[in-house]
Amino acid sequence: MNVELTRFRVKSGMSEKVDEWLTFLKEHMEDVLVTLEGEKMHVETIFREVLDGEEYLYWYSIQGEGGQEVEESDHWIDKKHLAYWGACIDPDFRPVDLKTEVVMVPEKIRRAMV
């Protein structure tokens, strides 16, 4: 099981596009959840923050081993998601992986995630 939290910087001037992206994901949640199965993604959450005038998106995930990478997916929802990613995420900013210190998941939930 992989537990991650990563920070990505949003390109300057793209806040409205990020709004559109996040709304798109919410409005198509049924299709989004279908694609998570192939990725063995048990939990995926997006957080948003403005810090010192810069906007960031954070991805928190709990993922099983051996799942499909989103870039390998042929599903239309993933293609649209990656298009938003390309439009909104600053490629010049090196993503920051926060260090996992403690993972607190009850055993019965862990067993269900295998």
PDB file of N, CA and C in Angstrom:
ATOM      1  N   MET A   1       0.848  -1.177   0.000  1.00  0.00           N
ATOM      2  CA  MET A   1       0.000   0.000   0.000  1.00  0.00           C
ATOM      3  C   MET A   1       0.890   1.235   0.000  1.00  0.00           C
ATOM      4  N   ASN A   2       0.634   2.139  -0.939  1.00  0.00           N
ATOM      5  CA  ASN A   2       1.371   3.392  -1.033  1.00  0.00           C
ATOM      6  C   ASN A   2       0.485   4.531  -0.550  1.00  0.00           C
ATOM      7  N   VAL A   3       0.989   5.295   0.410  1.00  0.00           N
ATOM      8  CA  VAL A   3       0.281   6.466   0.917  1.00  0.00           C
ATOM      9  C   VAL A   3       1.127   7.676   0.568  1.00  0.00           C
ATOM     10  N   GLU A   4       0.539   8.620  -0.175  1.00  0.00           N
ATOM     11  CA  GLU A   4       1.305   9.768  -0.650  1.00  0.00           C
ATOM     12  C   GLU A   4       0.523  11.074  -0.502  1.00  0.00           C
ATOM     13  N   LEU A   5       1.280  12.142  -0.316  1.00  0.00           N
ATOM     14  CA  LEU A   5       0.749  13.502  -0.373  1.00  0.00           C
ATOM     15  C   LEU A   5       1.783  14.327  -1.133  1.00  0.00           C
ATOM     16  N   THR A   6       1.368  14.869  -2.272  1.00  0.00           N
ATOM     17  CA  THR A   6       2.286  15.601  -3.144  1.00  0.00           C
ATOM     18  C   THR A   6       1.696  16.961  -3.486  1.00  0.00           C
ATOM     19  N   ARG A   7       2.566  17.989  -3.470  1.00  0.00           N
ATOM     20  CA  ARG A   7       2.161  19.361  -3.796  1.00  0.00           C
ATOM     21  C   ARG A   7       2.631  19.710  -5.204  1.00  0.00           C
ATOM     22  N   PHE A   8       1.711  20.287  -5.994  1.00  0.00           N
ATOM     23  CA  PHE A   8       1.996  20.758  -7.338  1.00  0.00           C
ATOM     24  C   PHE A   8       1.594  22.220  -7.430  1.00  0.00           C
ATOM     25  N   ARG A   9       2.393  23.023  -8.127  1.00  0.00           N
ATOM     26  CA  ARG A   9       2.052  24.440  -8.283  1.00  0.00           C
ATOM     27  C   ARG A   9       1.193  24.627  -9.536  1.00  0.00           C
ATOM     28  N   VAL A  10       0.192  25.464  -9.394  1.00  0.00           N
ATOM     29  CA  VAL A  10      -0.691  25.820 -10.504  1.00  0.00           C
ATOM     30  C   VAL A  10      -0.022  26.932 -11.309  1.00  0.00           C
ATOM     31  N   LYS A  11      -0.135  26.835 -12.628  1.00  0.00           N
ATOM     32  CA  LYS A  11       0.391  27.895 -13.489  1.00  0.00           C
ATOM     33  C   LYS A  11      -0.302  29.211 -13.163  1.00  0.00           C
ATOM     34  N   SER A  12       0.449  30.286 -13.242  1.00  0.00           N
ATOM     35  CA  SER A  12      -0.091  31.611 -12.990  1.00  0.00           C
ATOM     36  C   SER A  12      -1.269  31.895 -13.915  1.00  0.00           C
ATOM     37  N   GLY A  13      -2.326  32.456 -13.350  1.00  0.00           N
ATOM     38  CA  GLY A  13      -3.494  32.837 -14.132  1.00  0.00           C
ATOM     39  C   GLY A  13      -4.443  31.703 -14.472  1.00  0.00           C
ATOM     40  N   MET A  14      -4.232  30.530 -13.895  1.00  0.00           N
ATOM     41  CA  MET A  14      -5.047  29.367 -14.265  1.00  0.00           C
ATOM     42  C   MET A  14      -6.064  28.967 -13.194  1.00  0.00           C
ATOM     43  N   SER A  15      -6.326  29.839 -12.231  1.00  0.00           N
ATOM     44  CA  SER A  15      -7.274  29.509 -11.156  1.00  0.00           C
ATOM     45  C   SER A  15      -8.664  29.165 -11.682  1.00  0.00           C
ATOM     46  N   GLU A  16      -9.149  29.923 -12.659  1.00  0.00           N
ATOM     47  CA  GLU A  16     -10.474  29.634 -13.209  1.00  0.00           C
ATOM     48  C   GLU A  16     -10.493  28.294 -13.929  1.00  0.00           C
ATOM     49  N   LYS A  17      -9.398  27.954 -14.590  1.00  0.00           N
ATOM     50  CA  LYS A  17      -9.304  26.651 -15.265  1.00  0.00           C
ATOM     51  C   LYS A  17      -9.277  25.531 -14.226  1.00  0.00           C
ATOM     52  N   VAL A  18      -8.616  25.765 -13.106  1.00  0.00           N
ATOM     53  CA  VAL A  18      -8.616  24.783 -12.017  1.00  0.00           C
ATOM     54  C   VAL A  18     -10.038  24.619 -11.480  1.00  0.00           C
ATOM     55  N   ASP A  19     -10.765  25.720 -11.309  1.00  0.00           N
ATOM     56  CA  ASP A  19     -12.165  25.644 -10.899  1.00  0.00           C
ATOM     57  C   ASP A  19     -12.942  24.728 -11.844  1.00  0.00           C
ATOM     58  N   GLU A  20     -12.747  24.948 -13.135  1.00  0.00           N
ATOM     59  CA  GLU A  20     -13.426  24.150 -14.160  1.00  0.00           C
ATOM     60  C   GLU A  20     -13.048  22.674 -14.037  1.00  0.00           C
ATOM     61  N   TRP A  21     -11.750  22.407 -13.837  1.00  0.00           N
ATOM     62  CA  TRP A  21     -11.227  21.045 -13.718  1.00  0.00           C
ATOM     63  C   TRP A  21     -11.858  20.325 -12.531  1.00  0.00           C
ATOM     64  N   LEU A  22     -11.840  20.969 -11.378  1.00  0.00           N
ATOM     65  CA  LEU A  22     -12.369  20.335 -10.173  1.00  0.00           C
ATOM     66  C   LEU A  22     -13.878  20.134 -10.278  1.00  0.00           C
ATOM     67  N   THR A  23     -14.567  21.078 -10.888  1.00  0.00           N
ATOM     68  CA  THR A  23     -16.001  20.919 -11.127  1.00  0.00           C
ATOM     69  C   THR A  23     -16.254  19.747 -12.071  1.00  0.00           C
ATOM     70  N   PHE A  24     -15.443  19.635 -13.108  1.00  0.00           N
ATOM     71  CA  PHE A  24     -15.548  18.518 -14.050  1.00  0.00           C
ATOM     72  C   PHE A  24     -15.425  17.180 -13.313  1.00  0.00           C
ATOM     73  N   LEU A  25     -14.430  17.056 -12.445  1.00  0.00           N
ATOM     74  CA  LEU A  25     -14.246  15.807 -11.699  1.00  0.00           C
ATOM     75  C   LEU A  25     -15.456  15.513 -10.819  1.00  0.00           C
ATOM     76  N   LYS A  26     -15.953  16.529 -10.128  1.00  0.00           N
ATOM     77  CA  LYS A  26     -17.124  16.342  -9.265  1.00  0.00           C
ATOM     78  C   LYS A  26     -18.354  15.926 -10.062  1.00  0.00           C
ATOM     79  N   GLU A  27     -18.551  16.552 -11.213  1.00  0.00           N
ATOM     80  CA  GLU A  27     -19.733  16.272 -12.027  1.00  0.00           C
ATOM     81  C   GLU A  27     -19.682  14.923 -12.736  1.00  0.00           C
ATOM     82  N   HIS A  28     -18.497  14.351 -12.853  1.00  0.00           N
ATOM     83  CA  HIS A  28     -18.318  13.061 -13.524  1.00  0.00           C
ATOM     84  C   HIS A  28     -17.766  12.002 -12.566  1.00  0.00           C
ATOM     85  N   MET A  29     -18.142  12.111 -11.302  1.00  0.00           N
ATOM     86  CA  MET A  29     -17.578  11.247 -10.280  1.00  0.00           C
ATOM     87  C   MET A  29     -17.802   9.760 -10.560  1.00  0.00           C
ATOM     88  N   GLU A  30     -18.937   9.400 -11.112  1.00  0.00           N
ATOM     89  CA  GLU A  30     -19.195   7.988 -11.399  1.00  0.00           C
ATOM     90  C   GLU A  30     -18.122   7.423 -12.341  1.00  0.00           C
ATOM     91  N   ASP A  31     -17.782   8.159 -13.395  1.00  0.00           N
ATOM     92  CA  ASP A  31     -16.737   7.722 -14.324  1.00  0.00           C
ATOM     93  C   ASP A  31     -15.354   7.788 -13.679  1.00  0.00           C
ATOM     94  N   VAL A  32     -15.130   8.807 -12.868  1.00  0.00           N
ATOM     95  CA  VAL A  32     -13.848   8.921 -12.167  1.00  0.00           C
ATOM     96  C   VAL A  32     -13.623   7.682 -11.297  1.00  0.00           C
ATOM     97  N   LEU A  33     -14.631   7.282 -10.551  1.00  0.00           N
ATOM     98  CA  LEU A  33     -14.498   6.140  -9.649  1.00  0.00           C
ATOM     99  C   LEU A  33     -14.243   4.846 -10.405  1.00  0.00           C
ATOM    100  N   VAL A  34     -14.793   4.712 -11.606  1.00  0.00           N
ATOM    101  CA  VAL A  34     -14.533   3.519 -12.427  1.00  0.00           C
ATOM    102  C   VAL A  34     -13.048   3.429 -12.755  1.00  0.00           C
ATOM    103  N   THR A  35     -12.428   4.547 -13.109  1.00  0.00           N
ATOM    104  CA  THR A  35     -11.015   4.519 -13.499  1.00  0.00           C
ATOM    105  C   THR A  35     -10.100   4.226 -12.311  1.00  0.00           C
ATOM    106  N   LEU A  36     -10.540   4.574 -11.100  1.00  0.00           N
ATOM    107  CA  LEU A  36      -9.710   4.318  -9.922  1.00  0.00           C
ATOM    108  C   LEU A  36      -9.514   2.831  -9.674  1.00  0.00           C
ATOM    109  N   GLU A  37     -10.489   2.026 -10.078  1.00  0.00           N
ATOM    110  CA  GLU A  37     -10.385   0.572  -9.897  1.00  0.00           C
ATOM    111  C   GLU A  37      -9.131   0.022 -10.568  1.00  0.00           C
ATOM    112  N   GLY A  38      -8.920   0.381 -11.846  1.00  0.00           N
ATOM    113  CA  GLY A  38      -7.763  -0.113 -12.584  1.00  0.00           C
ATOM    114  C   GLY A  38      -6.443   0.386 -12.033  1.00  0.00           C
ATOM    115  N   GLU A  39      -6.481   1.530 -11.390  1.00  0.00           N
ATOM    116  CA  GLU A  39      -5.273   2.100 -10.789  1.00  0.00           C
ATOM    117  C   GLU A  39      -4.991   1.513  -9.403  1.00  0.00           C
ATOM    118  N   LYS A  40      -5.929   0.715  -8.912  1.00  0.00           N
ATOM    119  CA  LYS A  40      -5.875   0.210  -7.534  1.00  0.00           C
ATOM    120  C   LYS A  40      -5.785   1.369  -6.544  1.00  0.00           C
ATOM    121  N   MET A  41      -6.476   2.446  -6.911  1.00  0.00           N
ATOM    122  CA  MET A  41      -6.499   3.651  -6.094  1.00  0.00           C
ATOM    123  C   MET A  41      -7.663   3.534  -5.116  1.00  0.00           C
ATOM    124  N   HIS A  42      -7.342   3.388  -3.843  1.00  0.00           N
ATOM    125  CA  HIS A  42      -8.369   3.219  -2.822  1.00  0.00           C
ATOM    126  C   HIS A  42      -8.932   4.553  -2.359  1.00  0.00           C
ATOM    127  N   VAL A  43      -8.065   5.560  -2.274  1.00  0.00           N
ATOM    128  CA  VAL A  43      -8.469   6.905  -1.856  1.00  0.00           C
ATOM    129  C   VAL A  43      -7.643   7.887  -2.677  1.00  0.00           C
ATOM    130  N   GLU A  44      -8.315   8.869  -3.242  1.00  0.00           N
ATOM    131  CA  GLU A  44      -7.604   9.966  -3.909  1.00  0.00           C
ATOM    132  C   GLU A  44      -8.357  11.244  -3.591  1.00  0.00           C
ATOM    133  N   THR A  45      -7.646  12.207  -3.045  1.00  0.00           N
ATOM    134  CA  THR A  45      -8.244  13.464  -2.617  1.00  0.00           C
ATOM    135  C   THR A  45      -7.377  14.608  -3.121  1.00  0.00           C
ATOM    136  N   ILE A  46      -8.019  15.666  -3.607  1.00  0.00           N
ATOM    137  CA  ILE A  46      -7.297  16.847  -4.071  1.00  0.00           C
ATOM    138  C   ILE A  46      -7.591  17.987  -3.107  1.00  0.00           C
ATOM    139  N   PHE A  47      -6.527  18.610  -2.620  1.00  0.00           N
ATOM    140  CA  PHE A  47      -6.627  19.787  -1.762  1.00  0.00           C
ATOM    141  C   PHE A  47      -6.102  20.983  -2.541  1.00  0.00           C
ATOM    142  N   ARG A  48      -6.537  22.169  -2.147  1.00  0.00           N
ATOM    143  CA  ARG A  48      -6.146  23.395  -2.830  1.00  0.00           C
ATOM    144  C   ARG A  48      -5.713  24.424  -1.801  1.00  0.00           C
ATOM    145  N   GLU A  49      -4.650  25.184  -2.131  1.00  0.00           N
ATOM    146  CA  GLU A  49      -4.139  26.191  -1.200  1.00  0.00           C
ATOM    147  C   GLU A  49      -3.491  27.328  -1.981  1.00  0.00           C
ATOM    148  N   VAL A  50      -3.625  28.533  -1.452  1.00  0.00           N
ATOM    149  CA  VAL A  50      -2.850  29.675  -1.936  1.00  0.00           C
ATOM    150  C   VAL A  50      -1.883  30.028  -0.812  1.00  0.00           C
ATOM    151  N   LEU A  51      -0.603  30.045  -1.140  1.00  0.00           N
ATOM    152  CA  LEU A  51       0.454  30.282  -0.163  1.00  0.00           C
ATOM    153  C   LEU A  51       1.431  31.296  -0.744  1.00  0.00           C
ATOM    154  N   ASP A  52       1.603  32.414  -0.062  1.00  0.00           N
ATOM    155  CA  ASP A  52       2.506  33.477  -0.527  1.00  0.00           C
ATOM    156  C   ASP A  52       2.199  33.890  -1.968  1.00  0.00           C
ATOM    157  N   GLY A  53       0.920  33.955  -2.293  1.00  0.00           N
ATOM    158  CA  GLY A  53       0.504  34.405  -3.614  1.00  0.00           C
ATOM    159  C   GLY A  53       0.555  33.357  -4.706  1.00  0.00           C
ATOM    160  N   GLU A  54       1.006  32.163  -4.385  1.00  0.00           N
ATOM    161  CA  GLU A  54       1.067  31.070  -5.363  1.00  0.00           C
ATOM    162  C   GLU A  54      -0.021  30.057  -5.032  1.00  0.00           C
ATOM    163  N   GLU A  55      -0.638  29.499  -6.064  1.00  0.00           N
ATOM    164  CA  GLU A  55      -1.685  28.490  -5.863  1.00  0.00           C
ATOM    165  C   GLU A  55      -1.095  27.095  -6.039  1.00  0.00           C
ATOM    166  N   TYR A  56      -1.517  26.185  -5.156  1.00  0.00           N
ATOM    167  CA  TYR A  56      -1.033  24.811  -5.190  1.00  0.00           C
ATOM    168  C   TYR A  56      -2.204  23.842  -5.109  1.00  0.00           C
ATOM    169  N   LEU A  57      -2.023  22.708  -5.743  1.00  0.00           N
ATOM    170  CA  LEU A  57      -2.923  21.577  -5.564  1.00  0.00           C
ATOM    171  C   LEU A  57      -2.122  20.462  -4.922  1.00  0.00           C
ATOM    172  N   TYR A  58      -2.756  19.785  -3.981  1.00  0.00           N
ATOM    173  CA  TYR A  58      -2.138  18.667  -3.284  1.00  0.00           C
ATOM    174  C   TYR A  58      -2.936  17.409  -3.594  1.00  0.00           C
ATOM    175  N   TRP A  59      -2.243  16.341  -3.922  1.00  0.00           N
ATOM    176  CA  TRP A  59      -2.884  15.048  -4.133  1.00  0.00           C
ATOM    177  C   TRP A  59      -2.530  14.137  -2.970  1.00  0.00           C
ATOM    178  N   TYR A  60      -3.566  13.651  -2.290  1.00  0.00           N
ATOM    179  CA  TYR A  60      -3.403  12.659  -1.231  1.00  0.00           C
ATOM    180  C   TYR A  60      -3.976  11.357  -1.772  1.00  0.00           C
ATOM    181  N   SER A  61      -3.216  10.270  -1.632  1.00  0.00           N
ATOM    182  CA  SER A  61      -3.721   9.006  -2.158  1.00  0.00           C
ATOM    183  C   SER A  61      -3.268   7.832  -1.307  1.00  0.00           C
ATOM    184  N   ILE A  62      -4.117   6.821  -1.344  1.00  0.00           N
ATOM    185  CA  ILE A  62      -3.785   5.503  -0.814  1.00  0.00           C
ATOM    186  C   ILE A  62      -4.020   4.554  -1.975  1.00  0.00           C
ATOM    187  N   GLN A  63      -2.952   3.893  -2.400  1.00  0.00           N
ATOM    188  CA  GLN A  63      -3.002   3.085  -3.605  1.00  0.00           C
ATOM    189  C   GLN A  63      -2.380   1.715  -3.349  1.00  0.00           C
ATOM    190  N   GLY A  64      -3.009   0.700  -3.911  1.00  0.00           N
ATOM    191  CA  GLY A  64      -2.463  -0.643  -3.841  1.00  0.00           C
ATOM    192  C   GLY A  64      -1.306  -0.808  -4.809  1.00  0.00           C
ATOM    193  N   GLU A  65      -0.608  -1.906  -4.687  1.00  0.00           N
ATOM    194  CA  GLU A  65       0.542  -2.197  -5.545  1.00  0.00           C
ATOM    195  C   GLU A  65       0.086  -2.669  -6.925  1.00  0.00           C
ATOM    196  N   GLY A  66       0.814  -2.265  -7.951  1.00  0.00           N
ATOM    197  CA  GLY A  66       0.611  -2.808  -9.287  1.00  0.00           C
ATOM    198  C   GLY A  66      -0.554  -2.232 -10.071  1.00  0.00           C
ATOM    199  N   GLY A  67      -1.049  -1.083  -9.687  1.00  0.00           N
ATOM    200  CA  GLY A  67      -2.149  -0.475 -10.427  1.00  0.00           C
ATOM    201  C   GLY A  67      -1.681   0.175 -11.716  1.00  0.00           C
ATOM    202  N   GLN A  68      -2.622   0.383 -12.624  1.00  0.00           N
ATOM    203  CA  GLN A  68      -2.342   1.041 -13.895  1.00  0.00           C
ATOM    204  C   GLN A  68      -2.055   2.522 -13.656  1.00  0.00           C
ATOM    205  N   GLU A  69      -1.085   3.058 -14.376  1.00  0.00           N
ATOM    206  CA  GLU A  69      -0.799   4.487 -14.322  1.00  0.00           C
ATOM    207  C   GLU A  69      -1.875   5.234 -15.101  1.00  0.00           C
ATOM    208  N   VAL A  70      -2.273   6.395 -14.616  1.00  0.00           N
ATOM    209  CA  VAL A  70      -3.322   7.174 -15.284  1.00  0.00           C
ATOM    210  C   VAL A  70      -2.925   7.503 -16.720  1.00  0.00           C
ATOM    211  N   GLU A  71      -1.635   7.682 -16.967  1.00  0.00           N
ATOM    212  CA  GLU A  71      -1.159   8.002 -18.316  1.00  0.00           C
ATOM    213  C   GLU A  71      -1.355   6.834 -19.284  1.00  0.00           C
ATOM    214  N   GLU A  72      -1.524   5.621 -18.772  1.00  0.00           N
ATOM    215  CA  GLU A  72      -1.716   4.435 -19.609  1.00  0.00           C
ATOM    216  C   GLU A  72      -3.182   4.176 -19.925  1.00  0.00           C
ATOM    217  N   SER A  73      -4.068   4.903 -19.305  1.00  0.00           N
ATOM    218  CA  SER A  73      -5.503   4.671 -19.443  1.00  0.00           C
ATOM    219  C   SER A  73      -6.027   5.167 -20.790  1.00  0.00           C
ATOM    220  N   ASP A  74      -6.969   4.404 -21.359  1.00  0.00           N
ATOM    221  CA  ASP A  74      -7.655   4.827 -22.579  1.00  0.00           C
ATOM    222  C   ASP A  74      -9.023   5.426 -22.271  1.00  0.00           C
ATOM    223  N   HIS A  75      -9.392   5.489 -20.997  1.00  0.00           N
ATOM    224  CA  HIS A  75     -10.709   5.983 -20.609  1.00  0.00           C
ATOM    225  C   HIS A  75     -10.793   7.484 -20.886  1.00  0.00           C
ATOM    226  N   TRP A  76     -11.927   7.920 -21.418  1.00  0.00           N
ATOM    227  CA  TRP A  76     -12.089   9.329 -21.789  1.00  0.00           C
ATOM    228  C   TRP A  76     -11.908  10.265 -20.601  1.00  0.00           C
ATOM    229  N   ILE A  77     -12.333   9.837 -19.430  1.00  0.00           N
ATOM    230  CA  ILE A  77     -12.243  10.717 -18.254  1.00  0.00           C
ATOM    231  C   ILE A  77     -10.778  10.986 -17.898  1.00  0.00           C
ATOM    232  N   ASP A  78      -9.934   9.950 -18.038  1.00  0.00           N
ATOM    233  CA  ASP A  78      -8.511  10.128 -17.741  1.00  0.00           C
ATOM    234  C   ASP A  78      -7.841  11.020 -18.783  1.00  0.00           C
ATOM    235  N   LYS A  79      -8.235  10.879 -20.021  1.00  0.00           N
ATOM    236  CA  LYS A  79      -7.665  11.740 -21.073  1.00  0.00           C
ATOM    237  C   LYS A  79      -8.016  13.214 -20.805  1.00  0.00           C
ATOM    238  N   LYS A  80      -9.257  13.473 -20.414  1.00  0.00           N
ATOM    239  CA  LYS A  80      -9.689  14.839 -20.093  1.00  0.00           C
ATOM    240  C   LYS A  80      -8.957  15.354 -18.850  1.00  0.00           C
ATOM    241  N   HIS A  81      -8.824  14.484 -17.839  1.00  0.00           N
ATOM    242  CA  HIS A  81      -8.111  14.831 -16.607  1.00  0.00           C
ATOM    243  C   HIS A  81      -6.665  15.230 -16.927  1.00  0.00           C
ATOM    244  N   LEU A  82      -5.998  14.457 -17.767  1.00  0.00           N
ATOM    245  CA  LEU A  82      -4.609  14.768 -18.126  1.00  0.00           C
ATOM    246  C   LEU A  82      -4.511  16.039 -18.968  1.00  0.00           C
ATOM    247  N   ALA A  83      -5.526  16.326 -19.762  1.00  0.00           N
ATOM    248  CA  ALA A  83      -5.530  17.581 -20.525  1.00  0.00           C
ATOM    249  C   ALA A  83      -5.615  18.771 -19.570  1.00  0.00           C
ATOM    250  N   TYR A  84      -6.488  18.670 -18.559  1.00  0.00           N
ATOM    251  CA  TYR A  84      -6.556  19.728 -17.542  1.00  0.00           C
ATOM    252  C   TYR A  84      -5.214  19.841 -16.820  1.00  0.00           C
ATOM    253  N   TRP A  85      -4.627  18.693 -16.485  1.00  0.00           N
ATOM    254  CA  TRP A  85      -3.328  18.681 -15.803  1.00  0.00           C
ATOM    255  C   TRP A  85      -2.319  19.491 -16.620  1.00  0.00           C
ATOM    256  N   GLY A  86      -2.215  19.189 -17.898  1.00  0.00           N
ATOM    257  CA  GLY A  86      -1.262  19.889 -18.763  1.00  0.00           C
ATOM    258  C   GLY A  86      -1.523  21.380 -18.842  1.00  0.00           C
ATOM    259  N   ALA A  87      -2.789  21.756 -18.806  1.00  0.00           N
ATOM    260  CA  ALA A  87      -3.143  23.170 -18.883  1.00  0.00           C
ATOM    261  C   ALA A  87      -2.884  23.915 -17.581  1.00  0.00           C
ATOM    262  N   CYS A  88      -3.006  23.212 -16.450  1.00  0.00           N
ATOM    263  CA  CYS A  88      -3.024  23.895 -15.145  1.00  0.00           C
ATOM    264  C   CYS A  88      -1.771  23.719 -14.286  1.00  0.00           C
ATOM    265  N   ILE A  89      -1.082  22.596 -14.380  1.00  0.00           N
ATOM    266  CA  ILE A  89       0.038  22.313 -13.473  1.00  0.00           C
ATOM    267  C   ILE A  89       1.336  22.841 -14.077  1.00  0.00           C
ATOM    268  N   ASP A  90       2.079  23.576 -13.275  1.00  0.00           N
ATOM    269  CA  ASP A  90       3.327  24.222 -13.693  1.00  0.00           C
ATOM    270  C   ASP A  90       4.434  23.175 -13.825  1.00  0.00           C
ATOM    271  N   PRO A  91       4.903  22.906 -15.057  1.00  0.00           N
ATOM    272  CA  PRO A  91       5.947  21.891 -15.236  1.00  0.00           C
ATOM    273  C   PRO A  91       7.324  22.346 -14.754  1.00  0.00           C
ATOM    274  N   ASP A  92       7.479  23.647 -14.505  1.00  0.00           N
ATOM    275  CA  ASP A  92       8.767  24.169 -14.035  1.00  0.00           C
ATOM    276  C   ASP A  92       8.941  24.042 -12.525  1.00  0.00           C
ATOM    277  N   PHE A  93       7.862  23.679 -11.835  1.00  0.00           N
ATOM    278  CA  PHE A  93       7.909  23.502 -10.383  1.00  0.00           C
ATOM    279  C   PHE A  93       8.094  22.017 -10.083  1.00  0.00           C
ATOM    280  N   ARG A  94       9.135  21.719  -9.349  1.00  0.00           N
ATOM    281  CA  ARG A  94       9.366  20.316  -8.980  1.00  0.00           C
ATOM    282  C   ARG A  94       8.359  19.929  -7.902  1.00  0.00           C
ATOM    283  N   PRO A  95       7.510  18.908  -8.162  1.00  0.00           N
ATOM    284  CA  PRO A  95       6.521  18.494  -7.164  1.00  0.00           C
ATOM    285  C   PRO A  95       7.193  18.157  -5.838  1.00  0.00           C
ATOM    286  N   VAL A  96       6.494  18.433  -4.754  1.00  0.00           N
ATOM    287  CA  VAL A  96       7.022  18.177  -3.416  1.00  0.00           C
ATOM    288  C   VAL A  96       6.250  17.011  -2.816  1.00  0.00           C
ATOM    289  N   ASP A  97       6.963  15.910  -2.572  1.00  0.00           N
ATOM    290  CA  ASP A  97       6.371  14.766  -1.881  1.00  0.00           C
ATOM    291  C   ASP A  97       6.585  14.954  -0.390  1.00  0.00           C
ATOM    292  N   LEU A  98       5.489  15.107   0.334  1.00  0.00           N
ATOM    293  CA  LEU A  98       5.602  15.245   1.783  1.00  0.00           C
ATOM    294  C   LEU A  98       5.940  13.881   2.368  1.00  0.00           C
ATOM    295  N   LYS A  99       6.704  13.879   3.429  1.00  0.00           N
ATOM    296  CA  LYS A  99       7.177  12.634   4.033  1.00  0.00           C
ATOM    297  C   LYS A  99       6.065  11.998   4.870  1.00  0.00           C
ATOM    298  N   THR A 100       5.791  10.734   4.572  1.00  0.00           N
ATOM    299  CA  THR A 100       4.813   9.985   5.354  1.00  0.00           C
ATOM    300  C   THR A 100       5.461   9.567   6.667  1.00  0.00           C
ATOM    301  N   GLU A 101       4.863   9.940   7.769  1.00  0.00           N
ATOM    302  CA  GLU A 101       5.398   9.611   9.079  1.00  0.00           C
ATOM    303  C   GLU A 101       4.613   8.494   9.766  1.00  0.00           C
ATOM    304  N   VAL A 102       3.298   8.577   9.723  1.00  0.00           N
ATOM    305  CA  VAL A 102       2.458   7.587  10.394  1.00  0.00           C
ATOM    306  C   VAL A 102       1.241   7.338   9.510  1.00  0.00           C
ATOM    307  N   VAL A 103       0.921   6.074   9.297  1.00  0.00           N
ATOM    308  CA  VAL A 103      -0.278   5.701   8.553  1.00  0.00           C
ATOM    309  C   VAL A 103      -1.210   4.994   9.530  1.00  0.00           C
ATOM    310  N   MET A 104      -2.390   5.557   9.694  1.00  0.00           N
ATOM    311  CA  MET A 104      -3.350   5.012  10.654  1.00  0.00           C
ATOM    312  C   MET A 104      -4.579   4.522   9.899  1.00  0.00           C
ATOM    313  N   VAL A 105      -4.566   3.244   9.573  1.00  0.00           N
ATOM    314  CA  VAL A 105      -5.676   2.607   8.880  1.00  0.00           C
ATOM    315  C   VAL A 105      -6.002   1.328   9.655  1.00  0.00           C
ATOM    316  N   PRO A 106      -7.224   1.214  10.146  1.00  0.00           N
ATOM    317  CA  PRO A 106      -7.592   0.005  10.880  1.00  0.00           C
ATOM    318  C   PRO A 106      -7.360  -1.259  10.035  1.00  0.00           C
ATOM    319  N   GLU A 107      -7.021  -2.335  10.703  1.00  0.00           N
ATOM    320  CA  GLU A 107      -6.674  -3.580  10.016  1.00  0.00           C
ATOM    321  C   GLU A 107      -7.788  -4.065   9.097  1.00  0.00           C
ATOM    322  N   LYS A 108      -9.040  -3.959   9.518  1.00  0.00           N
ATOM    323  CA  LYS A 108     -10.128  -4.442   8.661  1.00  0.00           C
ATOM    324  C   LYS A 108     -10.217  -3.626   7.372  1.00  0.00           C
ATOM    325  N   ILE A 109      -9.859  -2.357   7.423  1.00  0.00           N
ATOM    326  CA  ILE A 109      -9.836  -1.521   6.218  1.00  0.00           C
ATOM    327  C   ILE A 109      -8.631  -1.895   5.359  1.00  0.00           C
ATOM    328  N   ARG A 110      -7.487  -2.112   5.990  1.00  0.00           N
ATOM    329  CA  ARG A 110      -6.277  -2.541   5.253  1.00  0.00           C
ATOM    330  C   ARG A 110      -6.539  -3.828   4.474  1.00  0.00           C
ATOM    331  N   ARG A 111      -7.184  -4.785   5.104  1.00  0.00           N
ATOM    332  CA  ARG A 111      -7.489  -6.060   4.443  1.00  0.00           C
ATOM    333  C   ARG A 111      -8.365  -5.827   3.221  1.00  0.00           C
ATOM    334  N   ALA A 112      -9.293  -4.908   3.312  1.00  0.00           N
ATOM    335  CA  ALA A 112     -10.177  -4.611   2.177  1.00  0.00           C
ATOM    336  C   ALA A 112      -9.429  -3.923   1.042  1.00  0.00           C
ATOM    337  N   MET A 113      -8.296  -3.301   1.338  1.00  0.00           N
ATOM    338  CA  MET A 113      -7.538  -2.579   0.327  1.00  0.00           C
ATOM    339  C   MET A 113      -6.560  -3.476  -0.437  1.00  0.00           C
ATOM    340  N   VAL A 114      -6.418  -4.695  -0.019  1.00  0.00           N
ATOM    341  CA  VAL A 114      -5.447  -5.592  -0.675  1.00  0.00           C
ATOM    342  C   VAL A 114      -6.007  -6.115  -1.970  1.00  0.00           C
TER     343      VAL A 114
END
